[in-house]
C-alpha atoms as a PDB file:
ATOM      1  CA  MET A   1     -16.067 -17.055  -9.793  1.00  0.00           C
ATOM      2  CA  SER A   2     -17.824 -19.068  -7.884  1.00  0.00           C
ATOM      3  CA  SER A   3     -18.676 -17.709  -4.205  1.00  0.00           C
ATOM      4  CA  PRO A   4     -15.767 -18.916  -1.830  1.00  0.00           C
ATOM      5  CA  PRO A   5     -17.048 -20.771   1.643  1.00  0.00           C
ATOM      6  CA  ASP A   6     -16.561 -17.894   4.688  1.00  0.00           C
ATOM      7  CA  LEU A   7     -12.883 -18.238   6.076  1.00  0.00           C
ATOM      8  CA  ALA A   8     -13.679 -19.119   9.303  1.00  0.00           C
ATOM      9  CA  ALA A   9      -9.711 -19.604  10.816  1.00  0.00           C
ATOM     10  CA  THR A  10      -8.710 -20.796  14.166  1.00  0.00           C
ATOM     11  CA  ALA A  11      -6.551 -19.848  16.691  1.00  0.00           C
ATOM     12  CA  THR A  12      -4.120 -21.524  18.068  1.00  0.00           C
ATOM     13  CA  GLY A  13      -3.678 -19.962  21.167  1.00  0.00           C
ATOM     14  CA  PRO A  14      -3.846 -16.814  22.936  1.00  0.00           C
ATOM     15  CA  GLY A  15      -1.882 -13.817  21.750  1.00  0.00           C
ATOM     16  CA  GLU A  16      -1.509 -15.740  17.983  1.00  0.00           C
ATOM     17  CA  GLY A  17      -3.671 -13.628  16.281  1.00  0.00           C
ATOM     18  CA  VAL A  18      -6.950 -12.642  15.149  1.00  0.00           C
ATOM     19  CA  GLY A  19      -8.537 -15.764  14.559  1.00  0.00           C
ATOM     20  CA  ALA A  20      -5.999 -16.976  12.048  1.00  0.00           C
ATOM     21  CA  ILE A  21      -3.641 -19.808  12.535  1.00  0.00           C
ATOM     22  CA  GLY A  22       0.058 -18.280  13.492  1.00  0.00           C
ATOM     23  CA  THR A  23       3.121 -19.731  10.712  1.00  0.00           C
ATOM     24  CA  GLY A  24       6.123 -18.008  11.525  1.00  0.00           C
ATOM     25  CA  PRO A  25       7.847 -14.993  12.695  1.00  0.00           C
ATOM     26  CA  GLY A  26       5.907 -11.767  11.904  1.00  0.00           C
ATOM     27  CA  ARG A  27       2.983 -13.737  10.608  1.00  0.00           C
ATOM     28  CA  GLU A  28       1.015 -13.972  13.710  1.00  0.00           C
ATOM     29  CA  ALA A  29      -2.059 -14.437  12.356  1.00  0.00           C
ATOM     30  CA  GLY A  30      -1.230 -15.460   8.429  1.00  0.00           C
ATOM     31  CA  ILE A  31      -4.740 -17.410   7.919  1.00  0.00           C
ATOM     32  CA  ALA A  32      -4.035 -20.964   6.474  1.00  0.00           C
ATOM     33  CA  ALA A  33      -5.053 -22.362   3.675  1.00  0.00           C
ATOM     34  CA  ALA A  34      -6.356 -25.977   4.128  1.00  0.00           C
ATOM     35  CA  GLY A  35      -6.463 -26.908   0.570  1.00  0.00           C
ATOM     36  CA  PRO A  36      -7.682 -26.127  -3.082  1.00  0.00           C
ATOM     37  CA  GLY A  37     -10.553 -23.581  -2.949  1.00  0.00           C
ATOM     38  CA  GLU A  38     -11.250 -23.994   1.217  1.00  0.00           C
ATOM     39  CA  GLY A  39      -9.921 -20.133   1.139  1.00  0.00           C
ATOM     40  CA  VAL A  40     -10.452 -17.204  -0.029  1.00  0.00           C
ATOM     41  CA  GLY A  41      -6.693 -16.262  -1.842  1.00  0.00           C
ATOM     42  CA  ALA A  42      -5.199 -17.247   1.866  1.00  0.00           C
ATOM     43  CA  THR A  43      -1.602 -17.895   2.351  1.00  0.00           C
ATOM     44  CA  ALA A  44       0.871 -19.585   4.265  1.00  0.00           C
ATOM     45  CA  ALA A  45       3.950 -19.967   3.468  1.00  0.00           C
ATOM     46  CA  GLY A  46       5.956 -18.270   6.148  1.00  0.00           C
ATOM     47  CA  PRO A  47       7.093 -14.784   6.943  1.00  0.00           C
ATOM     48  CA  GLY A  48       5.485 -12.233   5.260  1.00  0.00           C
ATOM     49  CA  GLY A  49       4.812 -14.614   2.013  1.00  0.00           C
ATOM     50  CA  GLY A  50       6.691 -14.552  -1.457  1.00  0.00           C
ATOM     51  CA  SER A  51      10.065 -15.258  -2.291  1.00  0.00           C
ATOM     52  CA  ALA A  52      12.874 -12.983  -0.868  1.00  0.00           C
ATOM     53  CA  GLY A  53      14.654 -13.053  -4.139  1.00  0.00           C
ATOM     54  CA  GLU A  54      11.711 -11.249  -5.710  1.00  0.00           C
ATOM     55  CA  ALA A  55      11.761  -8.861  -2.606  1.00  0.00           C
ATOM     56  CA  ALA A  56      11.079  -5.017  -3.424  1.00  0.00           C
ATOM     57  CA  VAL A  57      10.288  -4.828   0.549  1.00  0.00           C
ATOM     58  CA  ASP A  58      12.113  -7.009   3.037  1.00  0.00           C
ATOM     59  CA  VAL A  59      11.020  -6.174   6.911  1.00  0.00           C
ATOM     60  CA  ARG A  60      12.762  -8.476   9.243  1.00  0.00           C
ATOM     61  CA  GLU A  61      12.087  -8.550  12.583  1.00  0.00           C
ATOM     62  CA  VAL A  62      11.391  -5.136  12.954  1.00  0.00           C
ATOM     63  CA  GLU A  63      10.599  -3.159  16.441  1.00  0.00           C
ATOM     64  CA  HIS A  64      10.265   0.373  16.539  1.00  0.00           C
ATOM     65  CA  VAL A  65      10.065   2.402  19.796  1.00  0.00           C
ATOM     66  CA  TYR A  66       9.575   6.133  20.404  1.00  0.00           C
ATOM     67  CA  GLY A  67      10.777   7.747  23.699  1.00  0.00           C
ATOM     68  CA  ALA A  68      13.773   5.991  26.057  1.00  0.00           C
ATOM     69  CA  GLY A  69      13.099   4.739  29.944  1.00  0.00           C
ATOM     70  CA  GLY A  70      10.094   4.782  31.307  1.00  0.00           C
ATOM     71  CA  ASP A  71       8.865   7.496  28.220  1.00  0.00           C
ATOM     72  CA  ALA A  72       9.303   4.230  25.763  1.00  0.00           C
ATOM     73  CA  VAL A  73       6.165   3.360  23.815  1.00  0.00           C
ATOM     74  CA  THR A  74       6.485   0.685  21.500  1.00  0.00           C
ATOM     75  CA  VAL A  75       4.535   1.588  18.013  1.00  0.00           C
ATOM     76  CA  LEU A  76       5.574  -1.115  15.657  1.00  0.00           C
ATOM     77  CA  GLY A  77       6.550  -4.855  15.933  1.00  0.00           C
ATOM     78  CA  PRO A  78       7.681  -7.044  15.978  1.00  0.00           C
ATOM     79  CA  ILE A  79       6.884  -7.288  12.253  1.00  0.00           C
ATOM     80  CA  SER A  80       8.149  -9.889   9.784  1.00  0.00           C
ATOM     81  CA  LEU A  81       6.973  -8.829   5.764  1.00  0.00           C
ATOM     82  CA  THR A  82       8.107  -9.882   2.465  1.00  0.00           C
ATOM     83  CA  VAL A  83       7.027  -8.030  -0.522  1.00  0.00           C
ATOM     84  CA  PRO A  84       6.860  -9.599  -3.643  1.00  0.00           C
ATOM     85  CA  ARG A  85       8.082  -6.917  -7.060  1.00  0.00           C
ATOM     86  CA  GLY A  86       5.196  -5.973  -8.957  1.00  0.00           C
ATOM     87  CA  SER A  87       2.583  -6.740  -6.127  1.00  0.00           C
ATOM     88  CA  PHE A  88       0.307  -3.980  -5.018  1.00  0.00           C
ATOM     89  CA  LEU A  89       0.146  -4.302  -0.873  1.00  0.00           C
ATOM     90  CA  VAL A  90      -2.592  -2.540   1.559  1.00  0.00           C
ATOM     91  CA  ILE A  91      -1.417  -1.834   4.985  1.00  0.00           C
ATOM     92  CA  VAL A  92      -5.148  -1.471   6.738  1.00  0.00           C
ATOM     93  CA  GLY A  93      -5.811  -0.795  10.526  1.00  0.00           C
ATOM     94  CA  ALA A  94      -7.354   1.387  12.979  1.00  0.00           C
ATOM     95  CA  SER A  95      -5.178   5.006  14.030  1.00  0.00           C
ATOM     96  CA  GLY A  96      -2.160   4.455  15.731  1.00  0.00           C
ATOM     97  CA  CYS A  97      -1.771   1.052  15.008  1.00  0.00           C
ATOM     98  CA  GLY A  98       1.534   2.185  12.962  1.00  0.00           C
ATOM     99  CA  LYS A  99       0.572   1.466   9.286  1.00  0.00           C
ATOM    100  CA  SER A 100       2.268   5.098   8.767  1.00  0.00           C
ATOM    101  CA  THR A 101       5.211   4.449  10.639  1.00  0.00           C
ATOM    102  CA  LEU A 102       6.094   1.139   8.985  1.00  0.00           C
ATOM    103  CA  LEU A 103       5.844   3.137   5.589  1.00  0.00           C
ATOM    104  CA  ARG A 104       8.490   5.645   6.672  1.00  0.00           C
ATOM    105  CA  LEU A 105      10.268   2.935   7.796  1.00  0.00           C
ATOM    106  CA  ILE A 106      10.137   1.288   4.075  1.00  0.00           C
ATOM    107  CA  ALA A 107      10.964   4.781   2.752  1.00  0.00           C
ATOM    108  CA  GLY A 108      14.006   5.409   4.836  1.00  0.00           C
ATOM    109  CA  PHE A 109      12.883   8.817   6.755  1.00  0.00           C
ATOM    110  CA  GLU A 110      13.540   6.429  10.179  1.00  0.00           C
ATOM    111  CA  ARG A 111      15.462   3.590  10.917  1.00  0.00           C
ATOM    112  CA  PRO A 112      13.809   0.660  12.974  1.00  0.00           C
ATOM    113  CA  THR A 113      14.987   0.395  16.544  1.00  0.00           C
ATOM    114  CA  SER A 114      15.480  -2.826  15.747  1.00  0.00           C
ATOM    115  CA  GLY A 115      15.412  -5.712  12.825  1.00  0.00           C
ATOM    116  CA  THR A 116      16.573  -4.490   9.730  1.00  0.00           C
ATOM    117  CA  VAL A 117      14.476  -3.200   6.540  1.00  0.00           C
ATOM    118  CA  ARG A 118      15.558  -3.459   2.948  1.00  0.00           C
ATOM    119  CA  THR A 119      14.080  -2.239  -0.321  1.00  0.00           C
ATOM    120  CA  GLY A 120      15.870  -3.575  -3.438  1.00  0.00           C
ATOM    121  CA  GLY A 121      18.372  -5.782  -1.224  1.00  0.00           C
ATOM    122  CA  ALA A 122      18.777  -2.862   0.278  1.00  0.00           C
ATOM    123  CA  GLU A 123      18.700  -0.178   3.223  1.00  0.00           C
ATOM    124  CA  PRO A 124      16.091   2.188   2.014  1.00  0.00           C
ATOM    125  CA  VAL A 125      17.622   5.921   1.684  1.00  0.00           C
ATOM    126  CA  PRO A 126      15.150   8.465   1.095  1.00  0.00           C
ATOM    127  CA  GLY A 127      14.248  10.090  -2.177  1.00  0.00           C
ATOM    128  CA  ARG A 128      16.248   6.838  -3.657  1.00  0.00           C
ATOM    129  CA  GLY A 129      13.863   3.924  -5.573  1.00  0.00           C
ATOM    130  CA  ALA A 130      10.629   4.935  -4.214  1.00  0.00           C
ATOM    131  CA  GLY A 131       8.088   7.397  -5.077  1.00  0.00           C
ATOM    132  CA  ILE A 132       6.106   8.794  -2.479  1.00  0.00           C
ATOM    133  CA  VAL A 133       2.360  10.340  -2.454  1.00  0.00           C
ATOM    134  CA  PHE A 134       1.299  11.474   0.909  1.00  0.00           C
ATOM    135  CA  GLN A 135      -2.016  12.191   2.107  1.00  0.00           C
ATOM    136  CA  GLN A 136      -1.525  16.437   1.442  1.00  0.00           C
ATOM    137  CA  PRO A 137      -0.122  16.485  -1.927  1.00  0.00           C
ATOM    138  CA  ARG A 138       2.565  18.913  -1.128  1.00  0.00           C
ATOM    139  CA  LEU A 139       2.776  20.686  -4.723  1.00  0.00           C
ATOM    140  CA  PHE A 140       4.157  23.950  -5.584  1.00  0.00           C
ATOM    141  CA  PRO A 141       1.456  26.004  -5.995  1.00  0.00           C
ATOM    142  CA  TRP A 142       3.307  28.830  -7.995  1.00  0.00           C
ATOM    143  CA  ARG A 143       3.877  26.250 -10.676  1.00  0.00           C
ATOM    144  CA  THR A 144       1.520  24.409 -13.157  1.00  0.00           C
ATOM    145  CA  VAL A 145       0.320  21.345 -13.510  1.00  0.00           C
ATOM    146  CA  GLY A 146       3.073  19.657 -16.008  1.00  0.00           C
ATOM    147  CA  GLY A 147       5.762  22.110 -14.226  1.00  0.00           C
ATOM    148  CA  ASN A 148       5.630  19.966 -11.067  1.00  0.00           C
ATOM    149  CA  VAL A 149       5.383  16.914 -12.844  1.00  0.00           C
ATOM    150  CA  GLU A 150       8.633  18.088 -14.615  1.00  0.00           C
ATOM    151  CA  LEU A 151      10.395  19.728 -11.503  1.00  0.00           C
ATOM    152  CA  ALA A 152      10.558  15.907 -10.023  1.00  0.00           C
ATOM    153  CA  LEU A 153      12.178  14.858 -13.397  1.00  0.00           C
ATOM    154  CA  ARG A 154      14.571  17.583 -13.194  1.00  0.00           C
ATOM    155  CA  TYR A 155      15.997  16.269  -9.849  1.00  0.00           C
ATOM    156  CA  ALA A 156      16.347  13.161 -11.440  1.00  0.00           C
ATOM    157  CA  GLY A 157      18.516  14.081 -13.618  1.00  0.00           C
ATOM    158  CA  VAL A 158      16.251  13.801 -16.419  1.00  0.00           C
ATOM    159  CA  PRO A 159      17.737  15.797 -19.488  1.00  0.00           C
ATOM    160  CA  ARG A 160      15.352  18.547 -20.887  1.00  0.00           C
ATOM    161  CA  THR A 161      14.133  17.309 -24.288  1.00  0.00           C
ATOM    162  CA  GLU A 162      13.239  13.832 -22.659  1.00  0.00           C
ATOM    163  CA  ARG A 163      11.552  15.873 -19.770  1.00  0.00           C
ATOM    164  CA  ALA A 164       9.426  17.536 -22.225  1.00  0.00           C
ATOM    165  CA  ARG A 165       8.547  14.247 -23.838  1.00  0.00           C
ATOM    166  CA  ARG A 166       7.728  12.539 -20.633  1.00  0.00           C
ATOM    167  CA  VAL A 167       5.549  14.994 -18.711  1.00  0.00           C
ATOM    168  CA  PRO A 168       2.271  14.518 -21.059  1.00  0.00           C
ATOM    169  CA  HIS A 169       2.885  10.785 -21.168  1.00  0.00           C
ATOM    170  CA  LEU A 170       2.676  11.020 -17.522  1.00  0.00           C
ATOM    171  CA  LEU A 171       0.162  13.622 -17.467  1.00  0.00           C
ATOM    172  CA  GLU A 172      -2.083  11.469 -19.402  1.00  0.00           C
ATOM    173  CA  ARG A 173      -1.682   8.257 -17.589  1.00  0.00           C
ATOM    174  CA  VAL A 174      -3.688   9.925 -14.591  1.00  0.00           C
ATOM    175  CA  GLY A 175      -5.895  11.783 -16.773  1.00  0.00           C
ATOM    176  CA  LEU A 176      -4.582  15.275 -16.335  1.00  0.00           C
ATOM    177  CA  HIS A 177      -3.682  16.018 -19.867  1.00  0.00           C
ATOM    178  CA  ASP A 178      -5.932  18.889 -20.357  1.00  0.00           C
ATOM    179  CA  VAL A 179      -5.363  20.660 -17.452  1.00  0.00           C
ATOM    180  CA  ALA A 180      -1.078  20.527 -17.732  1.00  0.00           C
ATOM    181  CA  ASP A 181      -1.006  24.228 -18.084  1.00  0.00           C
ATOM    182  CA  ARG A 182      -3.229  25.370 -14.762  1.00  0.00           C
ATOM    183  CA  ARG A 183      -1.724  26.379 -12.013  1.00  0.00           C
ATOM    184  CA  ILE A 184      -1.918  24.263  -8.572  1.00  0.00           C
ATOM    185  CA  TRP A 185      -4.711  26.555  -7.131  1.00  0.00           C
ATOM    186  CA  GLN A 186      -6.482  26.307 -10.453  1.00  0.00           C
ATOM    187  CA  ILE A 187      -7.407  22.221 -10.236  1.00  0.00           C
ATOM    188  CA  SER A 188      -9.366  20.736  -7.514  1.00  0.00           C
ATOM    189  CA  GLY A 189      -8.088  18.303  -4.464  1.00  0.00           C
ATOM    190  CA  GLY A 190      -8.357  15.205  -6.660  1.00  0.00           C
ATOM    191  CA  GLN A 191      -6.807  16.868  -9.572  1.00  0.00           C
ATOM    192  CA  GLN A 192      -4.200  17.583  -7.285  1.00  0.00           C
ATOM    193  CA  GLN A 193      -3.748  14.172  -5.621  1.00  0.00           C
ATOM    194  CA  ARG A 194      -3.144  12.497  -9.267  1.00  0.00           C
ATOM    195  CA  VAL A 195      -0.885  15.631 -10.274  1.00  0.00           C
ATOM    196  CA  ALA A 196       0.882  13.598  -6.587  1.00  0.00           C
ATOM    197  CA  ILE A 197       0.851  10.642  -8.332  1.00  0.00           C
ATOM    198  CA  ALA A 198       1.926  11.719 -11.719  1.00  0.00           C
ATOM    199  CA  ARG A 199       4.878  13.077  -9.844  1.00  0.00           C
ATOM    200  CA  ALA A 200       5.793   9.726  -7.959  1.00  0.00           C
ATOM    201  CA  MET A 201       5.534   8.018 -10.846  1.00  0.00           C
ATOM    202  CA  ALA A 202       8.519  10.392 -12.983  1.00  0.00           C
ATOM    203  CA  GLY A 203      11.294   9.104 -11.620  1.00  0.00           C
ATOM    204  CA  ASP A 204      10.965   5.579 -12.638  1.00  0.00           C
ATOM    205  CA  ASP A 205      11.400   3.887  -9.562  1.00  0.00           C
ATOM    206  CA  PRO A 206      10.471   0.983  -8.937  1.00  0.00           C
ATOM    207  CA  LEU A 207       8.703   1.179  -5.716  1.00  0.00           C
ATOM    208  CA  LEU A 208       5.714   4.063  -5.030  1.00  0.00           C
ATOM    209  CA  LEU A 209       4.401   4.421  -0.849  1.00  0.00           C
ATOM    210  CA  LEU A 210       0.672   5.975  -0.662  1.00  0.00           C
ATOM    211  CA  ASP A 211       0.218   7.362   2.585  1.00  0.00           C
ATOM    212  CA  GLU A 212      -4.020   7.649   2.730  1.00  0.00           C
ATOM    213  CA  PRO A 213      -3.581   9.746   0.060  1.00  0.00           C
ATOM    214  CA  PHE A 214      -7.220  10.046  -1.038  1.00  0.00           C
ATOM    215  CA  ALA A 215      -8.368  10.342   2.853  1.00  0.00           C
ATOM    216  CA  ALA A 216      -9.472  13.766   2.896  1.00  0.00           C
ATOM    217  CA  LEU A 217     -11.245  13.569  -0.373  1.00  0.00           C
ATOM    218  CA  ASP A 218     -15.013  13.211  -1.022  1.00  0.00           C
ATOM    219  CA  ALA A 219     -16.507   9.913  -1.830  1.00  0.00           C
ATOM    220  CA  LEU A 220     -17.028   9.979  -5.441  1.00  0.00           C
ATOM    221  CA  THR A 221     -13.929  11.015  -6.279  1.00  0.00           C
ATOM    222  CA  ARG A 222     -12.069   8.988  -4.206  1.00  0.00           C
ATOM    223  CA  GLU A 223     -13.733   6.243  -5.389  1.00  0.00           C
ATOM    224  CA  ARG A 224     -12.555   7.342  -9.651  1.00  0.00           C
ATOM    225  CA  LEU A 225      -9.082   7.973  -7.975  1.00  0.00           C
ATOM    226  CA  GLN A 226      -9.142   4.013  -6.847  1.00  0.00           C
ATOM    227  CA  GLU A 227      -9.798   3.239  -9.919  1.00  0.00           C
ATOM    228  CA  ASP A 228      -6.780   5.149 -12.080  1.00  0.00           C
ATOM    229  CA  LEU A 229      -4.849   3.592  -9.261  1.00  0.00           C
ATOM    230  CA  ARG A 230      -5.574   0.042  -9.701  1.00  0.00           C
ATOM    231  CA  ARG A 231      -5.451   1.025 -14.189  1.00  0.00           C
ATOM    232  CA  VAL A 232      -2.268   2.430 -13.385  1.00  0.00           C
ATOM    233  CA  SER A 233      -0.749  -0.655 -11.409  1.00  0.00           C
ATOM    234  CA  ALA A 234      -1.879  -2.873 -13.785  1.00  0.00           C
ATOM    235  CA  GLU A 235      -0.361  -1.226 -16.401  1.00  0.00           C
ATOM    236  CA  THR A 236       2.906  -0.136 -15.404  1.00  0.00           C
ATOM    237  CA  GLY A 237       4.185  -3.515 -13.115  1.00  0.00           C
ATOM    238  CA  ARG A 238       4.999  -1.519 -10.501  1.00  0.00           C
ATOM    239  CA  THR A 239       5.321  -2.554  -6.447  1.00  0.00           C
ATOM    240  CA  PHE A 240       3.165  -0.889  -4.433  1.00  0.00           C
ATOM    241  CA  VAL A 241       2.783   0.046  -1.065  1.00  0.00           C
ATOM    242  CA  PHE A 242      -0.544   1.750   0.240  1.00  0.00           C
ATOM    243  CA  VAL A 243      -2.020   2.586   3.538  1.00  0.00           C
ATOM    244  CA  THR A 244      -5.092   2.972   4.347  1.00  0.00           C
ATOM    245  CA  HIS A 245      -8.426   2.871   7.199  1.00  0.00           C
ATOM    246  CA  SER A 246     -10.360   1.941   4.631  1.00  0.00           C
ATOM    247  CA  VAL A 247     -12.044  -1.307   4.475  1.00  0.00           C
ATOM    248  CA  GLU A 248     -13.312  -1.093   0.784  1.00  0.00           C
ATOM    249  CA  GLU A 249     -10.155   0.243  -0.396  1.00  0.00           C
ATOM    250  CA  ALA A 250      -7.888  -2.007   0.609  1.00  0.00           C
ATOM    251  CA  VAL A 251      -9.667  -4.895  -0.756  1.00  0.00           C
ATOM    252  CA  PHE A 252     -10.512  -2.838  -4.122  1.00  0.00           C
ATOM    253  CA  LEU A 253      -6.696  -1.701  -4.772  1.00  0.00           C
ATOM    254  CA  GLY A 254      -4.607  -4.582  -3.285  1.00  0.00           C
ATOM    255  CA  THR A 255      -3.297  -7.933  -4.883  1.00  0.00           C
ATOM    256  CA  ARG A 256      -2.726  -8.243  -0.693  1.00  0.00           C
ATOM    257  CA  VAL A 257      -3.881  -7.192   2.228  1.00  0.00           C
ATOM    258  CA  VAL A 258      -2.189  -7.074   5.771  1.00  0.00           C
ATOM    259  CA  VAL A 259      -4.080  -6.115   8.591  1.00  0.00           C
ATOM    260  CA  LEU A 260      -2.291  -4.944  11.568  1.00  0.00           C
ATOM    261  CA  THR A 261      -3.125  -5.138  15.442  1.00  0.00           C
ATOM    262  CA  ARG A 262      -3.218  -1.645  17.892  1.00  0.00           C
ATOM    263  CA  GLN A 263      -0.021  -0.641  19.205  1.00  0.00           C
ATOM    264  CA  PRO A 264       2.285  -2.176  19.045  1.00  0.00           C
ATOM    265  CA  GLY A 265       1.179  -2.885  15.639  1.00  0.00           C
ATOM    266  CA  ARG A 266       1.918  -6.467  14.511  1.00  0.00           C
ATOM    267  CA  ILE A 267       0.228  -8.600  11.522  1.00  0.00           C
ATOM    268  CA  ALA A 268      -3.384  -9.964  12.595  1.00  0.00           C
ATOM    269  CA  LEU A 269      -3.923 -10.365   8.735  1.00  0.00           C
ATOM    270  CA  ASP A 270      -2.392 -11.391   5.387  1.00  0.00           C
ATOM    271  CA  LEU A 271      -4.239 -12.446   2.763  1.00  0.00           C
ATOM    272  CA  ASP A 272      -4.073 -12.481  -1.073  1.00  0.00           C
ATOM    273  CA  ILE A 273      -6.986 -10.383  -2.837  1.00  0.00           C
ATOM    274  CA  THR A 274      -6.951 -12.700  -6.312  1.00  0.00           C
ATOM    275  CA  LEU A 275      -9.263 -10.932  -7.804  1.00  0.00           C
ATOM    276  CA  PRO A 276      -9.052  -9.983 -11.949  1.00  0.00           C
ATOM    277  CA  ARG A 277      -6.694  -6.528 -11.690  1.00  0.00           C
ATOM    278  CA  THR A 278      -7.931  -6.708 -15.911  1.00  0.00           C
ATOM    279  CA  GLY A 279     -10.809  -7.336 -17.792  1.00  0.00           C
ATOM    280  CA  PRO A 280     -14.091  -6.660 -14.990  1.00  0.00           C
ATOM    281  CA  GLU A 281     -15.172  -2.780 -15.156  1.00  0.00           C
ATOM    282  CA  PRO A 282     -15.055  -1.130 -11.794  1.00  0.00           C
ATOM    283  CA  ASP A 283     -18.295  -2.116 -10.878  1.00  0.00           C
ATOM    284  CA  GLU A 284     -18.418  -5.260 -11.760  1.00  0.00           C
ATOM    285  CA  LEU A 285     -15.388  -6.087  -9.939  1.00  0.00           C
ATOM    286  CA  ARG A 286     -17.201  -4.787  -6.804  1.00  0.00           C
ATOM    287  CA  ALA A 287     -20.479  -6.711  -7.522  1.00  0.00           C
ATOM    288  CA  LEU A 288     -18.283 -10.047  -7.724  1.00  0.00           C
ATOM    289  CA  PRO A 289     -19.047 -12.730  -4.827  1.00  0.00           C
ATOM    290  CA  ASP A 290     -15.666 -13.012  -4.157  1.00  0.00           C
ATOM    291  CA  TYR A 291     -15.228  -9.064  -3.584  1.00  0.00           C
ATOM    292  CA  ALA A 292     -18.135  -9.159  -0.797  1.00  0.00           C
ATOM    293  CA  ALA A 293     -15.853 -12.314   0.805  1.00  0.00           C
ATOM    294  CA  PHE A 294     -12.722 -10.706   0.752  1.00  0.00           C
ATOM    295  CA  ARG A 295     -14.386  -7.488   2.385  1.00  0.00           C
ATOM    296  CA  THR A 296     -15.813  -9.447   5.258  1.00  0.00           C
ATOM    297  CA  THR A 297     -13.338 -11.061   6.090  1.00  0.00           C
ATOM    298  CA  VAL A 298     -10.839  -8.300   6.114  1.00  0.00           C
ATOM    299  CA  GLY A 299     -13.707  -6.093   7.544  1.00  0.00           C
ATOM    300  CA  GLN A 300     -13.591  -8.884  10.739  1.00  0.00           C
ATOM    301  CA  ALA A 301     -10.365  -8.867  11.086  1.00  0.00           C
ATOM    302  CA  VAL A 302     -10.211  -5.197  11.175  1.00  0.00           C
ATOM    303  CA  ARG A 303     -12.765  -4.992  13.932  1.00  0.00           C
ATOM    304  CA  ALA A 304     -10.929  -7.819  15.880  1.00  0.00           C
ATOM    305  CA  ALA A 305      -7.550  -6.099  16.001  1.00  0.00           C
ATOM    306  CA  ALA A 306      -8.287  -3.256  17.177  1.00  0.00           C
ATOM    307  CA  GLU A 307     -10.137  -4.550  20.239  1.00  0.00           C
END
């Protein structure tokens, strides 16, 4: 893959985004591709990109406000975003930009003040249709590794014999088959997050939502889990929405990266990451010229959006 030229997008006026051409509502700074080979996976198809008919997530003109009257604070929006099925969307931005708020709206934990959120064509309901992984694993320490995953299957109504068959498969997928009988307190923080990911995948939900799941881990463990998650996403074909502060993590994991501005969070950059999902080893992928170009583009957008 050849090295793409720099992405020097043009702002069309005040308030229209971070160094990019706005193309429609909710895409205040969707980078406009001028032609084949003239941008690094940039898109300019309309609000959120993708096809509404294929949408795993559809966010339309959403604003979210905390408080009322003189104490009201708009933390998000207006924002529109469409996430096609099977994609890996990473939402990145500075602290307080509304990343986690947007994820909670998609999960159905909160309702937007205005606008609509749909997952799989319906209003989201907590615990239905989406697996969730938080920054802290939130496991049951008195249960075994396998027992935590089995419990998720039980809540999903999976029969006992089927649970016994599926737990080893799920643990194998996240590299924990050899610690299935250990208690949660007997394994490392990185292993605990792998349990949380396996548990989130247990219900066969088509959508997985991850809120900075690797933020508290050391650099080496974090890198290994990123590699595991990238592999799992390629193998399963599920839709992932992942929140992070890390530009490196966003580019490595995502098929698409959305950068949010400072509060109230709006889209500053919406960028398709056209790196190969299979084939290169992780170190080879990170050494690609396109990888460096994507990292530079996203990093510049994050810094500009935080100003």
